[in-house]
Amino acid sequence: MTILGSCVISVNSAGPAAAETNVFWIVPNEIRQMAGWLISRCAISANGIGGLYTTGVGDMIQHITDPDANLSAPYPTSSTFITVTITGPDFLVKSPGDTDPEIAVLLTDRLSGYTGHFKVGSKLYTLYSSRWSNFIGKAASTKRGGDSTIWDPYEPPAADKMTYECDANLGSPAAVDCLQLQYQHPGSPTDTVTIPSNRVRLFSYKSCYLGVSSTIATVLTWQQIQAALDTLMSICVQNPVHSSIGGRAFYGTQPQFSARQLASSSDAGAGADITGLNALPPHANATLFTVDESATASCTWLAVVDGHPISVCDGK
């Protein structure tokens, strides 16, 4: 770890076999290049946010995509990989390569390429779909720097509090735009966003819009919003079974919509241990959708609330 003023550069090993891997051959110039990329793309170009870079993850991908591999058995030491992170001194993350949901999303993305090559119901399709579901589950149940790791066996909880559903009526947000949106947050995970009653707060980057609303005035941490966004991304935008579509996240079995107007910005500060399984309180919901170039965000949001295809706003 290197600390220079407000910038912390960390190099960590990751993977279930990392503890058994005693020696890593790392080329210093490669670490400098990765840190330089993060500084350029995150700290400078993205207005001072941190970032994570992985190297050597190819052997891990090779292992989880090997049909003969037993993922319940100890992973080979060759599956260990390296992460380089840049953060502020107050945002140090424990074992980022083992706990960051984005690593699980990366692995599901690679598995999805295999799933599409086999006939539905075939042995290999079932195998890769099961592995895909396992890592999707870990993406929803892990927290960056938390105690649960991506490599722990995933056991769906007996009663999920959150519901995630995908809906083609919400359009097709581009994955690259949603990935950018994930890191355009107000600041730290504990920063908060005020959601007034009967208003919606919109967060957007190009084609990707996230509308957060509540039936009563409430305050959510950015960590709660990002947990819902991360899970919607994994299930709806980057799903290997269908092309990218929008989706909804809400507590219970039915979304509670009353927000029909746009809200102005208002931020505060708090924190919690949040994953995709407990992201939002009962009165709040988050919707991932797109806005056509010829439409307006306000018209599109009304279509979202009313359950109409967003295409009704074309040309309006």
Protein backbone atom coordinates (compact mmCIF):
# COMPACT_ATOMS: atom_id res chain seq x y z
CA MET A 1 0.00 0.00 0.00
CA THR A 2 1.21 3.48 -0.89
CA ILE A 3 -0.28 6.63 0.69
CA LEU A 4 0.45 10.03 -0.83
CA GLY A 5 -1.68 12.75 0.71
CA SER A 6 -5.32 12.02 -0.16
CA CYS A 7 -4.47 9.17 -2.59
CA VAL A 8 -4.06 5.55 -1.46
CA ILE A 9 -2.84 2.95 -3.99
CA SER A 10 -3.32 -0.67 -2.83
CA VAL A 11 -2.19 -3.95 -4.41
CA ASN A 12 -4.00 -7.08 -3.15
CA SER A 13 -4.26 -10.74 -4.03
CA ALA A 14 -7.75 -12.17 -4.52
CA GLY A 15 -9.48 -15.49 -5.03
CA PRO A 16 -10.38 -18.42 -2.76
CA ALA A 17 -6.83 -19.82 -3.00
CA ALA A 18 -5.05 -16.51 -2.34
CA ALA A 19 -4.12 -17.49 1.22
CA GLU A 20 -2.30 -20.57 -0.11
CA THR A 21 -0.43 -18.60 -2.77
CA ASN A 22 2.80 -17.45 -1.19
CA VAL A 23 4.68 -15.89 -4.10
CA PHE A 24 3.45 -13.49 -6.78
CA TRP A 25 5.58 -12.34 -9.65
CA ILE A 26 4.54 -8.75 -10.30
CA VAL A 27 6.22 -6.45 -12.78
CA PRO A 28 6.47 -3.00 -11.12
CA ASN A 29 5.86 -1.20 -14.42
CA GLU A 30 2.61 -3.15 -14.85
CA ILE A 31 1.39 -1.96 -11.45
CA ARG A 32 2.37 1.61 -12.36
CA GLN A 33 0.44 1.32 -15.63
CA MET A 34 -2.69 0.05 -13.88
CA ALA A 35 -2.47 2.75 -11.21
CA GLY A 36 -1.88 5.35 -13.92
CA TRP A 37 -4.97 4.17 -15.84
CA LEU A 38 -7.10 4.45 -12.68
CA ILE A 39 -5.75 7.91 -11.89
CA SER A 40 -6.40 9.09 -15.44
CA ARG A 41 -9.84 7.54 -15.93
CA CYS A 42 -11.23 7.77 -12.40
CA ALA A 43 -9.46 10.37 -10.28
CA ILE A 44 -9.05 12.91 -13.10
CA SER A 45 -11.60 12.26 -15.88
CA ALA A 46 -14.44 11.15 -13.54
CA ASN A 47 -14.14 14.07 -11.10
CA GLY A 48 -12.12 12.44 -8.35
CA ILE A 49 -13.66 9.00 -7.74
CA GLY A 50 -11.74 5.84 -6.83
CA GLY A 51 -11.39 2.73 -8.95
CA LEU A 52 -10.49 -0.96 -9.16
CA TYR A 53 -8.30 -2.69 -11.76
CA THR A 54 -7.76 -6.47 -11.98
CA THR A 55 -4.97 -8.41 -13.64
CA GLY A 56 -4.40 -12.14 -14.01
CA VAL A 57 -8.11 -12.97 -13.72
CA GLY A 58 -7.94 -15.10 -16.88
CA ASP A 59 -7.01 -18.26 -14.95
CA MET A 60 -9.98 -17.75 -12.65
CA ILE A 61 -12.28 -17.40 -15.66
CA GLN A 62 -10.74 -20.50 -17.23
CA HIS A 63 -11.45 -22.47 -14.04
CA ILE A 64 -15.10 -21.43 -13.61
CA THR A 65 -15.82 -22.07 -17.30
CA ASP A 66 -14.19 -25.53 -17.29
CA PRO A 67 -17.11 -28.01 -17.41
CA ASP A 68 -15.03 -30.61 -15.55
CA ALA A 69 -14.12 -28.28 -12.68
CA ASN A 70 -15.73 -28.82 -9.29
CA LEU A 71 -16.42 -25.35 -7.93
CA SER A 72 -17.33 -26.84 -4.56
CA ALA A 73 -13.77 -28.15 -4.17
CA PRO A 74 -10.76 -25.94 -3.31
CA TYR A 75 -9.80 -23.68 -6.20
CA PRO A 76 -6.32 -24.11 -7.71
CA THR A 77 -3.70 -21.58 -6.67
CA SER A 78 -3.43 -20.56 -10.33
CA SER A 79 -6.89 -18.96 -10.03
CA THR A 80 -5.50 -16.26 -7.73
CA PHE A 81 -5.41 -12.79 -9.29
CA ILE A 82 -4.25 -9.28 -8.38
CA THR A 83 -6.25 -6.10 -7.83
CA VAL A 84 -4.98 -2.53 -7.83
CA THR A 85 -7.23 0.09 -6.24
CA ILE A 86 -7.05 3.82 -5.71
CA THR A 87 -9.10 5.33 -2.89
CA GLY A 88 -8.99 8.13 -0.40
CA PRO A 89 -7.51 7.35 3.05
CA ASP A 90 -11.02 7.22 4.54
CA PHE A 91 -12.33 4.69 2.00
CA LEU A 92 -9.95 1.74 2.33
CA VAL A 93 -11.61 -1.49 1.14
CA LYS A 94 -10.79 -4.88 2.65
CA SER A 95 -10.10 -7.58 0.03
CA PRO A 96 -11.73 -5.72 -2.89
CA GLY A 97 -11.22 -8.61 -5.33
CA ASP A 98 -13.02 -10.99 -2.96
CA THR A 99 -15.94 -8.78 -1.93
CA ASP A 100 -16.69 -6.30 -4.73
CA PRO A 101 -19.97 -7.29 -6.48
CA GLU A 102 -18.48 -6.07 -9.77
CA ILE A 103 -16.04 -9.02 -9.74
CA ALA A 104 -19.02 -11.38 -9.51
CA VAL A 105 -20.68 -9.48 -12.36
CA LEU A 106 -17.49 -9.88 -14.45
CA LEU A 107 -17.58 -13.65 -13.90
CA THR A 108 -21.29 -13.90 -14.77
CA ASP A 109 -20.58 -11.96 -17.95
CA ARG A 110 -17.97 -14.54 -18.99
CA LEU A 111 -20.25 -17.45 -18.06
CA SER A 112 -23.09 -15.94 -20.10
CA GLY A 113 -20.98 -16.33 -23.23
CA TYR A 114 -20.87 -20.07 -22.62
CA THR A 115 -24.54 -20.43 -21.70
CA GLY A 116 -25.65 -19.12 -25.09
CA HIS A 117 -23.72 -21.81 -26.97
CA PHE A 118 -25.83 -24.73 -25.74
CA LYS A 119 -29.40 -25.87 -26.19
CA VAL A 120 -31.76 -24.94 -23.37
CA GLY A 121 -32.16 -27.94 -21.08
CA SER A 122 -28.94 -29.64 -22.17
CA LYS A 123 -26.42 -30.81 -19.57
CA LEU A 124 -23.90 -28.06 -20.32
CA TYR A 125 -26.60 -25.36 -20.50
CA THR A 126 -27.82 -26.43 -17.05
CA LEU A 127 -24.26 -26.50 -15.71
CA TYR A 128 -23.32 -23.02 -16.90
CA SER A 129 -26.73 -21.57 -15.96
CA SER A 130 -26.28 -22.92 -12.43
CA ARG A 131 -22.84 -21.32 -12.15
CA TRP A 132 -24.19 -18.07 -13.61
CA SER A 133 -27.01 -18.05 -11.03
CA ASN A 134 -24.52 -18.68 -8.23
CA PHE A 135 -22.39 -15.66 -9.10
CA ILE A 136 -25.46 -13.49 -9.75
CA GLY A 137 -26.58 -14.42 -6.25
CA LYS A 138 -23.19 -13.41 -4.89
CA ALA A 139 -23.35 -10.11 -6.79
CA ALA A 140 -26.61 -9.36 -4.97
CA SER A 141 -25.51 -10.55 -1.52
CA THR A 142 -21.96 -9.17 -1.27
CA LYS A 143 -20.88 -5.69 -0.29
CA ARG A 144 -17.65 -4.00 -1.32
CA GLY A 145 -15.35 -4.52 1.67
CA GLY A 146 -17.93 -6.63 3.54
CA ASP A 147 -17.55 -9.94 5.39
CA SER A 148 -19.21 -12.16 2.76
CA THR A 149 -17.02 -13.09 -0.22
CA ILE A 150 -17.83 -13.98 -3.80
CA TRP A 151 -16.42 -17.47 -3.22
CA ASP A 152 -18.71 -18.40 -0.34
CA PRO A 153 -21.44 -20.92 -1.28
CA TYR A 154 -24.56 -19.00 -2.25
CA GLU A 155 -27.69 -20.01 -0.40
CA PRO A 156 -30.81 -18.01 -1.36
CA PRO A 157 -32.46 -16.62 1.79
CA ALA A 158 -35.73 -18.21 2.85
CA ALA A 159 -37.62 -14.97 2.34
CA ASP A 160 -36.06 -12.28 0.14
CA LYS A 161 -37.26 -8.82 1.09
CA MET A 162 -36.46 -7.35 -2.31
CA THR A 163 -38.06 -8.11 -5.66
CA TYR A 164 -36.30 -7.49 -8.98
CA GLU A 165 -38.18 -7.75 -12.25
CA CYS A 166 -37.17 -7.00 -15.83
CA ASP A 167 -39.59 -5.34 -18.28
CA ALA A 168 -39.04 -4.76 -22.00
CA ASN A 169 -41.49 -1.84 -21.78
CA LEU A 170 -38.72 0.08 -20.00
CA GLY A 171 -36.49 0.09 -23.07
CA SER A 172 -32.91 -1.12 -23.55
CA PRO A 173 -30.35 0.81 -21.49
CA ALA A 174 -26.81 0.34 -22.81
CA ALA A 175 -24.66 -1.67 -20.42
CA VAL A 176 -21.67 0.65 -20.94
CA ASP A 177 -23.81 3.67 -19.94
CA CYS A 178 -25.17 1.93 -16.83
CA LEU A 179 -21.65 0.94 -15.82
CA GLN A 180 -20.67 4.60 -16.00
CA LEU A 181 -23.76 5.58 -14.00
CA GLN A 182 -22.73 3.16 -11.23
CA TYR A 183 -19.72 5.30 -10.40
CA GLN A 184 -21.26 8.75 -10.80
CA HIS A 185 -22.43 9.01 -7.20
CA PRO A 186 -22.55 12.01 -4.87
CA GLY A 187 -19.40 10.97 -3.01
CA SER A 188 -18.97 8.24 -0.40
CA PRO A 189 -21.38 5.28 0.02
CA THR A 190 -22.71 6.90 3.19
CA ASP A 191 -23.78 10.11 1.43
CA THR A 192 -27.55 10.33 1.35
CA VAL A 193 -30.21 11.38 -1.12
CA THR A 194 -33.50 12.90 -0.03
CA ILE A 195 -36.55 11.54 -1.90
CA PRO A 196 -39.55 13.83 -1.36
CA SER A 197 -43.04 12.33 -1.29
CA ASN A 198 -44.65 12.19 -4.76
CA ARG A 199 -41.39 13.06 -6.51
CA VAL A 200 -38.77 11.06 -8.34
CA ARG A 201 -35.02 11.58 -8.28
CA LEU A 202 -33.43 10.75 -11.61
CA PHE A 203 -29.81 9.67 -12.05
CA SER A 204 -28.64 9.26 -15.62
CA TYR A 205 -25.76 8.77 -18.00
CA LYS A 206 -26.60 8.88 -21.71
CA SER A 207 -29.09 6.03 -22.37
CA CYS A 208 -29.22 4.73 -18.79
CA TYR A 209 -31.71 6.29 -16.35
CA LEU A 210 -32.41 5.28 -12.76
CA GLY A 211 -35.54 6.70 -11.19
CA VAL A 212 -35.83 6.47 -7.40
CA SER A 213 -39.15 7.36 -5.80
CA SER A 214 -41.08 6.81 -2.59
CA THR A 215 -44.68 6.98 -1.41
CA ILE A 216 -43.50 8.98 1.62
CA ALA A 217 -40.63 11.39 2.08
CA THR A 218 -37.51 9.38 2.83
CA VAL A 219 -33.73 9.53 2.90
CA LEU A 220 -31.65 6.78 1.24
CA THR A 221 -27.91 6.31 1.32
CA TRP A 222 -26.13 6.11 -2.02
CA GLN A 223 -25.07 2.63 -0.89
CA GLN A 224 -28.74 1.55 -0.90
CA ILE A 225 -29.34 3.03 -4.33
CA GLN A 226 -26.16 1.49 -5.75
CA ALA A 227 -27.02 -1.96 -4.32
CA ALA A 228 -30.35 -1.87 -6.17
CA LEU A 229 -28.68 -0.55 -9.34
CA ASP A 230 -25.93 -3.21 -9.24
CA THR A 231 -28.51 -6.01 -8.96
CA LEU A 232 -30.73 -4.59 -11.72
CA MET A 233 -27.63 -4.38 -13.89
CA SER A 234 -26.77 -8.02 -13.25
CA ILE A 235 -30.28 -9.40 -13.76
CA CYS A 236 -31.75 -7.21 -16.51
CA VAL A 237 -29.02 -5.38 -18.42
CA GLN A 238 -26.29 -8.06 -18.49
CA ASN A 239 -28.52 -11.16 -18.50
CA PRO A 240 -27.26 -13.84 -20.96
CA VAL A 241 -30.76 -15.16 -21.67
CA HIS A 242 -32.15 -11.94 -23.16
CA SER A 243 -30.87 -8.67 -24.53
CA SER A 244 -30.51 -5.63 -22.28
CA ILE A 245 -33.85 -4.37 -20.92
CA GLY A 246 -34.89 -2.16 -18.04
CA GLY A 247 -36.13 -3.34 -14.67
CA ARG A 248 -37.64 -2.49 -11.29
CA ALA A 249 -36.44 -3.01 -7.73
CA PHE A 250 -38.87 -2.81 -4.84
CA TYR A 251 -39.60 -4.20 -1.39
CA GLY A 252 -42.11 -7.06 -1.19
CA THR A 253 -44.18 -8.29 -4.13
CA GLN A 254 -45.65 -5.11 -5.62
CA PRO A 255 -43.96 -1.76 -6.39
CA GLN A 256 -45.53 1.21 -4.59
CA PHE A 257 -45.63 4.12 -7.05
CA SER A 258 -47.00 7.55 -6.28
CA ALA A 259 -44.14 9.68 -7.61
CA ARG A 260 -45.27 11.51 -10.73
CA GLN A 261 -43.03 14.60 -10.76
CA LEU A 262 -39.30 15.23 -10.89
CA ALA A 263 -37.51 16.26 -7.70
CA SER A 264 -34.72 18.74 -7.20
CA SER A 265 -31.35 17.61 -5.81
CA SER A 266 -30.82 17.35 -2.06
CA ASP A 267 -28.07 15.39 -0.28
CA ALA A 268 -27.18 14.68 3.39
CA GLY A 269 -25.23 11.85 5.22
CA ALA A 270 -25.66 8.35 6.97
CA GLY A 271 -24.69 4.68 6.48
CA ALA A 272 -25.69 0.96 6.69
CA ASP A 273 -24.59 -2.55 5.75
CA ILE A 274 -26.48 -2.93 2.48
CA THR A 275 -26.63 -5.55 -0.29
CA GLY A 276 -29.07 -6.15 -3.14
CA LEU A 277 -31.22 -8.29 -0.83
CA ASN A 278 -32.12 -5.46 1.57
CA ALA A 279 -31.45 -2.39 -0.54
CA LEU A 280 -34.70 -0.45 -0.20
CA PRO A 281 -37.33 0.16 2.51
CA PRO A 282 -40.99 -0.83 1.91
CA HIS A 283 -42.12 2.56 0.61
CA ALA A 284 -39.30 3.09 -1.93
CA ASN A 285 -38.57 1.72 -5.39
CA ALA A 286 -35.93 2.06 -8.11
CA THR A 287 -36.53 1.71 -11.84
CA LEU A 288 -33.86 1.32 -14.51
CA PHE A 289 -34.99 2.51 -17.94
CA THR A 290 -33.96 4.44 -21.02
CA VAL A 291 -35.18 7.67 -22.58
CA ASP A 292 -35.39 7.90 -26.36
CA GLU A 293 -33.65 10.86 -27.97
CA SER A 294 -36.96 12.30 -29.15
CA ALA A 295 -38.65 11.96 -25.74
CA THR A 296 -38.41 13.84 -22.45
CA ALA A 297 -37.48 12.36 -19.09
CA SER A 298 -40.72 13.57 -17.49
CA CYS A 299 -42.97 12.00 -20.14
CA THR A 300 -41.00 8.76 -20.00
CA TRP A 301 -41.24 8.60 -16.22
CA LEU A 302 -45.06 8.98 -16.39
CA ALA A 303 -45.12 6.04 -18.81
CA VAL A 304 -42.99 4.04 -16.38
CA VAL A 305 -45.36 4.76 -13.47
CA ASP A 306 -48.46 3.98 -15.53
CA GLY A 307 -46.98 0.72 -16.85
CA HIS A 308 -47.01 1.84 -20.49
CA PRO A 309 -44.20 1.16 -22.98
CA ILE A 310 -41.82 4.11 -23.00
CA SER A 311 -42.31 4.29 -26.79
CA VAL A 312 -45.53 6.27 -26.14
CA CYS A 313 -43.25 9.26 -25.55
CA ASP A 314 -41.57 9.16 -28.98
CA GLY A 315 -41.65 12.63 -30.48
CA LYS A 316 -43.06 14.23 -27.33
